[in-house]
Protein backbone atom coordinates (compact mmCIF):
# COMPACT_ATOMS: atom_id res chain seq x y z
CA MET A 1 0.00 0.00 0.00
CA ARG A 2 1.32 3.34 -1.01
CA MET A 3 0.37 6.23 1.27
CA LEU A 4 0.79 9.90 0.57
CA ILE A 5 0.70 12.01 3.69
CA LYS A 6 0.83 15.76 3.53
CA LYS A 7 0.32 18.29 6.28
CA VAL A 8 -0.66 21.82 5.40
CA ALA A 9 -0.38 24.45 8.15
CA SER A 10 -1.95 27.90 7.86
CA ALA A 11 -0.96 31.09 9.68
CA SER A 12 -3.62 30.35 12.29
CA ASN A 13 -2.07 26.93 13.04
CA LEU A 14 -4.70 25.09 11.02
CA SER A 15 -3.67 21.49 10.48
CA PHE A 16 -5.04 19.73 7.44
CA ILE A 17 -4.00 16.08 7.17
CA ARG A 18 -4.38 14.54 3.78
CA LEU A 19 -4.52 10.77 3.49
CA SER A 20 -4.43 9.36 -0.04
CA ALA A 21 -4.73 5.59 -0.51
CA ILE A 22 -3.74 4.07 -3.85
CA ARG A 23 -4.79 0.61 -4.98
CA LEU A 24 -5.27 -1.09 -1.61
CA SER A 25 -4.65 -4.84 -1.96
CA SER A 26 -7.05 -7.36 -0.47
CA SER A 27 -4.53 -8.14 2.25
CA ASP A 28 -4.74 -4.53 3.41
CA ALA A 29 -8.54 -4.48 3.61
CA LYS A 30 -8.64 -5.84 7.17
CA ALA A 31 -6.11 -3.31 8.45
CA LYS A 32 -8.03 -0.53 6.74
CA SER A 33 -11.25 -1.62 8.45
CA GLN A 34 -9.52 -1.58 11.84
CA ASP A 35 -8.16 1.89 11.19
CA LYS A 36 -11.67 3.22 10.58
CA GLU A 37 -12.68 2.21 14.11
CA SER A 38 -10.28 4.70 15.67
CA PRO A 39 -11.19 8.42 15.80
CA LYS A 40 -9.89 10.36 12.79
CA PRO A 41 -10.44 13.76 11.22
CA GLU A 42 -13.47 14.25 8.96
CA LEU A 43 -11.56 13.30 5.82
CA GLU A 44 -12.84 10.86 3.25
CA GLU A 45 -10.62 8.54 1.24
CA ALA A 46 -9.11 10.16 -1.81
CA ALA A 47 -9.99 9.21 -5.35
CA VAL A 48 -6.67 8.83 -7.13
CA LYS A 49 -6.28 8.96 -10.89
CA LYS A 50 -3.19 9.10 -13.03
CA ASN A 51 -2.57 12.83 -12.93
CA ILE A 52 -4.92 14.23 -10.28
CA VAL A 53 -5.90 13.43 -6.71
CA VAL A 54 -9.45 14.22 -5.58
CA GLU A 55 -10.14 14.45 -1.85
CA LYS A 56 -13.13 15.32 0.30
CA TYR A 57 -12.95 17.06 3.65
CA GLY A 58 -16.52 17.36 4.85
CA GLY A 59 -18.33 19.58 2.34
CA VAL A 60 -15.05 20.66 0.75
CA MET A 61 -13.59 18.80 -2.23
CA THR A 62 -10.04 19.39 -3.45
CA LEU A 63 -8.84 18.70 -6.98
CA ASN A 64 -5.05 18.40 -6.88
CA ILE A 65 -3.09 18.41 -10.15
CA ASP A 66 -0.11 16.08 -9.74
CA ARG A 67 2.34 16.38 -12.64
CA GLN A 68 5.12 17.88 -10.63
CA THR A 69 7.93 17.16 -13.09
CA THR A 70 6.35 19.65 -15.52
CA ARG A 71 5.08 22.11 -12.88
CA ASN A 72 1.64 20.58 -13.26
CA SER A 73 1.22 21.24 -16.96
CA LEU A 74 -1.99 20.07 -18.60
CA ASP A 75 -1.81 17.26 -21.13
CA GLU A 76 -4.82 15.59 -22.72
CA PRO A 77 -5.27 12.81 -20.10
CA THR A 78 -5.02 15.33 -17.23
CA LEU A 79 -7.61 17.62 -18.80
CA ARG A 80 -10.04 14.76 -19.30
CA GLU A 81 -9.52 13.53 -15.73
CA MET A 82 -10.16 17.06 -14.48
CA ALA A 83 -13.37 17.30 -16.52
CA ALA A 84 -14.64 14.04 -15.05
CA ALA A 85 -13.76 15.17 -11.51
CA ILE A 86 -15.53 18.52 -11.96
CA ASP A 87 -18.64 16.78 -13.28
CA ALA A 88 -18.55 14.43 -10.29
CA PHE A 89 -18.34 17.45 -7.97
CA ASP A 90 -21.38 18.98 -9.69
CA LYS A 91 -23.39 15.80 -9.07
CA ASP A 92 -22.23 15.24 -5.48
CA ALA A 93 -24.95 16.61 -3.20
CA GLU A 94 -22.62 16.57 -0.18
CA ALA A 95 -19.79 18.50 -1.87
CA LYS A 96 -20.39 22.24 -1.60
CA VAL A 97 -17.08 23.93 -2.51
CA LEU A 98 -14.35 22.81 -4.93
CA VAL A 99 -10.72 23.86 -4.31
CA PHE A 100 -8.19 23.61 -7.15
CA ASN A 101 -4.60 22.99 -6.06
CA GLY A 102 -1.28 22.08 -7.65
CA GLU A 103 1.03 19.58 -5.95
CA GLY A 104 4.72 20.24 -5.37
CA GLY A 105 4.73 24.02 -5.07
CA SER A 106 3.24 25.16 -8.40
CA PHE A 107 -0.41 25.65 -9.29
CA CYS A 108 -0.30 24.98 -13.04
CA SER A 109 2.06 25.89 -15.89
CA GLY A 110 -0.55 25.68 -18.67
CA PHE A 111 -0.78 23.33 -21.62
CA ASP A 112 1.97 20.73 -21.98
CA MET A 113 4.04 22.20 -24.83
CA ASP A 114 5.58 18.84 -25.79
CA GLU A 115 2.13 17.31 -26.17
CA MET A 116 0.91 20.35 -28.06
CA ASN A 117 3.74 19.81 -30.51
CA GLU A 118 2.84 16.13 -30.81
CA LYS A 119 -0.97 16.29 -30.93
CA GLY A 120 -1.69 19.88 -31.91
CA TYR A 121 -3.35 22.83 -30.18
CA TYR A 122 -6.92 21.81 -30.99
CA THR A 123 -6.55 18.42 -29.34
CA LEU A 124 -5.72 20.05 -26.01
CA LYS A 125 -8.34 22.75 -26.47
CA ASP A 126 -10.99 20.11 -27.09
CA ALA A 127 -9.91 18.21 -23.96
CA ALA A 128 -10.20 21.47 -22.00
CA SER A 129 -13.74 22.25 -23.21
CA ARG A 130 -15.26 21.58 -19.76
CA LEU A 131 -13.18 24.46 -18.39
CA LEU A 132 -14.90 26.88 -20.77
CA ARG A 133 -18.14 26.90 -18.82
CA ARG A 134 -19.03 30.27 -17.34
CA PRO A 135 -19.12 29.89 -14.40
CA LEU A 136 -16.87 26.87 -14.13
CA CYS A 137 -19.38 25.27 -11.69
CA ASP A 138 -22.71 26.37 -10.29
CA LYS A 139 -21.33 25.68 -6.82
CA PRO A 140 -18.44 27.82 -5.45
CA THR A 141 -14.88 27.21 -6.63
CA ILE A 142 -11.57 28.43 -5.17
CA ALA A 143 -8.06 28.39 -6.63
CA ALA A 144 -5.20 27.85 -4.16
CA VAL A 145 -2.47 29.61 -6.17
CA THR A 146 1.12 28.68 -5.38
CA GLY A 147 4.32 28.99 -7.38
CA PHE A 148 3.66 29.30 -11.12
CA ALA A 149 0.13 29.91 -12.41
CA VAL A 150 0.88 30.83 -16.01
CA ALA A 151 -0.67 30.49 -19.48
CA GLU A 152 -3.72 28.20 -19.20
CA GLY A 153 -2.82 27.72 -15.51
CA PHE A 154 -3.44 31.44 -15.00
CA GLU A 155 -6.69 31.11 -16.93
CA LEU A 156 -7.75 28.19 -14.71
CA ALA A 157 -7.23 30.37 -11.64
CA LEU A 158 -9.25 33.14 -13.29
CA ALA A 159 -12.06 30.66 -14.03
CA CYS A 160 -12.54 30.02 -10.30
CA ASP A 161 -14.87 32.22 -8.26
CA LEU A 162 -12.24 33.09 -5.66
CA ARG A 163 -8.46 32.97 -5.53
CA VAL A 164 -6.23 32.57 -2.48
CA ILE A 165 -2.80 33.59 -3.76
CA GLU A 166 0.59 33.23 -2.08
CA ASP A 167 2.61 36.43 -2.10
CA THR A 168 5.47 34.76 -3.99
CA ALA A 169 3.26 33.20 -6.68
CA VAL A 170 3.99 34.07 -10.32
CA MET A 171 1.08 34.69 -12.68
CA GLY A 172 0.71 35.78 -16.30
CA PHE A 173 -0.03 34.96 -19.95
CA LEU A 174 3.27 33.30 -20.84
CA GLY A 175 1.70 31.88 -23.98
CA ARG A 176 2.21 35.35 -25.45
CA ARG A 177 5.85 34.41 -26.11
CA PHE A 178 4.88 31.58 -28.44
CA GLY A 179 1.81 33.04 -30.10
CA VAL A 180 -0.64 30.91 -28.09
CA PRO A 181 -3.94 32.79 -27.57
CA SER A 182 -5.83 32.70 -24.29
CA THR A 183 -7.71 29.43 -24.52
CA LEU A 184 -10.08 29.38 -21.54
CA TYR A 185 -11.73 32.80 -21.93
CA GLY A 186 -8.83 34.25 -19.94
CA GLY A 187 -9.08 37.67 -21.59
CA ARG A 188 -12.79 38.01 -20.92
CA ARG A 189 -12.53 36.73 -17.37
CA LEU A 190 -9.55 38.93 -16.52
CA THR A 191 -11.25 42.03 -17.93
CA SER A 192 -14.37 41.37 -15.86
CA LEU A 193 -12.22 41.10 -12.73
CA ILE A 194 -9.80 44.03 -13.03
CA GLY A 195 -11.04 46.20 -15.90
CA LEU A 196 -10.04 46.69 -19.52
CA SER A 197 -6.91 48.82 -19.11
CA GLN A 198 -5.14 46.57 -16.60
CA ALA A 199 -6.27 43.43 -18.43
CA LEU A 200 -4.82 44.67 -21.73
CA ASP A 201 -1.53 45.37 -19.99
CA LEU A 202 -1.19 41.72 -18.95
CA LEU A 203 -2.70 40.27 -22.13
CA MET A 204 -0.62 42.24 -24.62
CA THR A 205 2.74 42.24 -22.84
CA GLY A 206 2.59 38.76 -21.31
CA ARG A 207 4.44 40.16 -18.32
CA LEU A 208 4.45 38.24 -15.06
CA ILE A 209 3.08 39.57 -11.80
CA SER A 210 3.65 38.39 -8.24
CA GLY A 211 0.92 37.30 -5.88
CA THR A 212 1.29 40.60 -4.08
CA GLU A 213 0.68 42.59 -7.28
CA ALA A 214 -2.20 40.30 -8.21
CA HIS A 215 -3.80 41.14 -4.88
CA GLN A 216 -3.26 44.85 -5.46
CA LYS A 217 -5.06 44.52 -8.81
CA GLY A 218 -8.02 42.84 -7.15
CA LEU A 219 -7.45 39.26 -8.29
CA ALA A 220 -7.09 37.71 -4.85
CA ALA A 221 -9.77 37.13 -2.26
CA LYS A 222 -6.80 36.76 0.07
CA VAL A 223 -3.02 37.01 -0.26
CA THR A 224 -1.13 34.68 2.04
CA ALA A 225 2.37 33.51 2.93
CA THR A 226 4.30 30.90 0.96
CA GLY A 227 3.16 27.37 1.73
CA THR A 228 -0.24 28.32 3.16
CA ALA A 229 -2.51 28.78 0.12
CA LEU A 230 -4.13 25.35 0.33
CA GLY A 231 -4.80 25.58 4.05
CA GLU A 232 -6.19 29.10 3.73
CA SER A 233 -8.35 28.02 0.77
CA ILE A 234 -9.83 25.18 2.80
CA LYS A 235 -10.51 27.60 5.65
CA LEU A 236 -12.31 29.91 3.24
CA ALA A 237 -14.22 27.01 1.70
CA LYS A 238 -15.37 25.76 5.09
CA SER A 239 -16.56 29.24 6.02
CA ILE A 240 -18.73 29.22 2.87
CA THR A 241 -20.22 25.77 3.48
CA LYS A 242 -21.98 26.95 6.64
CA PHE A 243 -24.35 29.19 4.66
CA PRO A 244 -27.58 28.02 2.98
CA GLN A 245 -26.29 27.13 -0.49
CA ASN A 246 -29.25 27.76 -2.79
CA ALA A 247 -29.40 31.54 -2.36
CA LEU A 248 -25.60 31.71 -2.40
CA MET A 249 -25.49 29.98 -5.79
CA MET A 250 -28.27 32.17 -7.16
CA ASP A 251 -26.41 35.35 -6.23
CA LYS A 252 -23.16 33.98 -7.62
CA LEU A 253 -24.76 33.02 -10.94
CA ALA A 254 -26.39 36.43 -11.23
CA ALA A 255 -23.07 38.18 -10.65
CA VAL A 256 -21.12 36.00 -13.08
CA ASN A 257 -23.87 36.20 -15.67
CA SER A 258 -23.89 40.00 -15.57
CA GLN A 259 -20.19 40.06 -16.48
CA LEU A 260 -19.52 37.01 -18.62
CA ASN A 261 -22.75 35.82 -20.22
CA PRO A 262 -24.94 38.80 -21.17
CA ASN A 263 -27.69 37.82 -23.63
CA SER A 264 -26.19 34.43 -24.42
CA GLU A 265 -27.29 30.80 -24.37
CA GLU A 266 -25.28 30.31 -21.18
CA SER A 267 -27.14 33.26 -19.67
CA MET A 268 -30.43 31.50 -20.39
CA ARG A 269 -29.04 28.33 -18.83
CA ASP A 270 -27.98 30.21 -15.71
CA GLU A 271 -31.42 31.79 -15.42
CA ALA A 272 -32.97 28.32 -15.60
CA VAL A 273 -30.61 27.03 -12.91
CA MET A 274 -31.42 30.00 -10.67
CA GLN A 275 -35.15 29.38 -11.06
CA SER A 276 -34.65 25.74 -10.12
CA LEU A 277 -32.81 26.87 -6.99
CA LEU A 278 -35.48 29.37 -5.99
CA GLY A 279 -37.88 26.87 -4.43
CA ALA A 280 -35.18 25.38 -2.20
CA ALA A 281 -33.88 28.87 -1.39
CA LEU A 282 -37.32 29.89 -0.14
CA GLU A 283 -37.34 26.88 2.18
CA ASP A 284 -33.91 27.93 3.46
CA LEU A 285 -35.31 31.43 3.95
CA LYS A 286 -38.18 30.17 6.12
CA GLU A 287 -35.70 28.35 8.34
CA GLY A 288 -33.45 31.42 8.38
CA VAL A 289 -36.28 33.68 9.54
CA LYS A 290 -36.99 31.31 12.43
CA LYS A 291 -33.32 31.30 13.40
CA PHE A 292 -33.18 35.09 13.29
CA GLN A 293 -36.26 35.36 15.47
CA ASP A 294 -34.54 33.05 17.94
CA GLY A 295 -31.53 35.39 18.03
CA VAL A 296 -29.18 33.54 15.63
CA GLY A 297 -27.20 35.90 13.40
CA LYS A 298 -28.53 39.13 14.88
CA HIS A 299 -26.33 42.23 15.09
CA GLY A 300 -24.24 41.10 12.11
CA LYS A 301 -22.97 37.91 13.69
CA PHE A 302 -21.47 35.32 11.34
CA HIS A 303 -20.78 32.64 13.93
CA ASN A 304 -23.07 29.94 15.32
CA LEU A 305 -25.15 29.99 12.13
CA THR A 306 -25.33 26.20 12.13
CA GLU A 307 -25.16 23.41 14.66
CA VAL A 308 -21.53 22.77 13.71
CA SER A 309 -19.11 23.61 16.52
CA LEU A 310 -16.54 26.31 15.84
CA GLU A 311 -12.93 25.46 15.09
CA ASP A 312 -10.13 27.57 16.57
CA TRP A 313 -9.48 29.32 13.27
CA GLU A 314 -13.17 30.21 12.94
CA LEU A 315 -13.11 31.95 16.30
CA GLU A 316 -10.70 34.50 14.81
CA ASN A 317 -13.47 35.74 12.52
CA THR A 318 -16.15 36.09 15.19
CA VAL A 319 -17.18 39.44 16.54
CA GLU A 320 -17.80 39.96 20.22
CA GLU A 321 -20.53 42.38 21.22
CA THR A 322 -19.53 45.35 23.32
CA VAL A 323 -22.26 47.16 25.21
CA VAL A 324 -21.57 50.79 26.10
CA THR A 325 -23.72 52.42 28.74
CA HIS A 326 -23.86 56.06 29.73
CA ASP A 327 -24.34 57.08 33.34
CA THR A 328 -26.72 59.98 32.95
CA ASP A 329 -26.61 60.61 36.69
CA LYS A 330 -22.99 61.79 36.40
CA LYS A 331 -23.79 64.22 33.62
CA LYS A 332 -24.01 67.77 35.02
């Protein structure tokens, strides 16, 4: 049995233990059953494919690109594995947020240039067709950007709803050097995020920017220290899972549609999805009104919204109430 064990620590001392089991033999089945009897973190067994590792941590699913020798470049098999994993996430009722991550210190270096030379540009573009959806998924997506996120890797990060970017990350349209156009609607997505002038600067020059500059331009939901992007992304994802999801997805689709899909077939699709979510959202709303009447969430509180107990890192984001009283008797 081959085991991959990786510990990711965030600035708030978050520990995220990843256990990936590959091709367990029948002789290991008994030991595996015994292991399940002992208390362990809420982490489900990983689904391991050739070039990606898919893991679930409660309502959070991570899609980890694992082609470290090429800084996680995207060849045809990897793109097709990713498409299947994204579709599985869409269909999984328990999975609420998808986090994209690159193993070994780099997010993604774009299309595999050797394979592009061998099979041609259109072969890879066809394999990447699932990544062209706007939005990428109806449910929330987050990119944990580390190391290099360039060419189509940069576009993949832009396709996600939110980006947690390490300050030392390197991002940009490196395909400019070789005459490769943005393949995954990178130009349109970048323009919707940071505006035409700044987008043209990066698109036309192909210059690279650091994670710090990306944050200054408005690309990052959060900029973080080297080695912490995955942990911080999972923290962010878990904070999103506590909300009622139907209304959250409706608002997300409306926002994305207003920027990326005006008067298009995808816009009509998004409207249909939002209408299908409305009935469930109204049920969530009824429950939310009852909670509010019982005092949950009043005064702008974002903690104790569900029955789930708070983790230490969640306590950092809670707000304590301070009551100020005036002694009118002392006023002369």
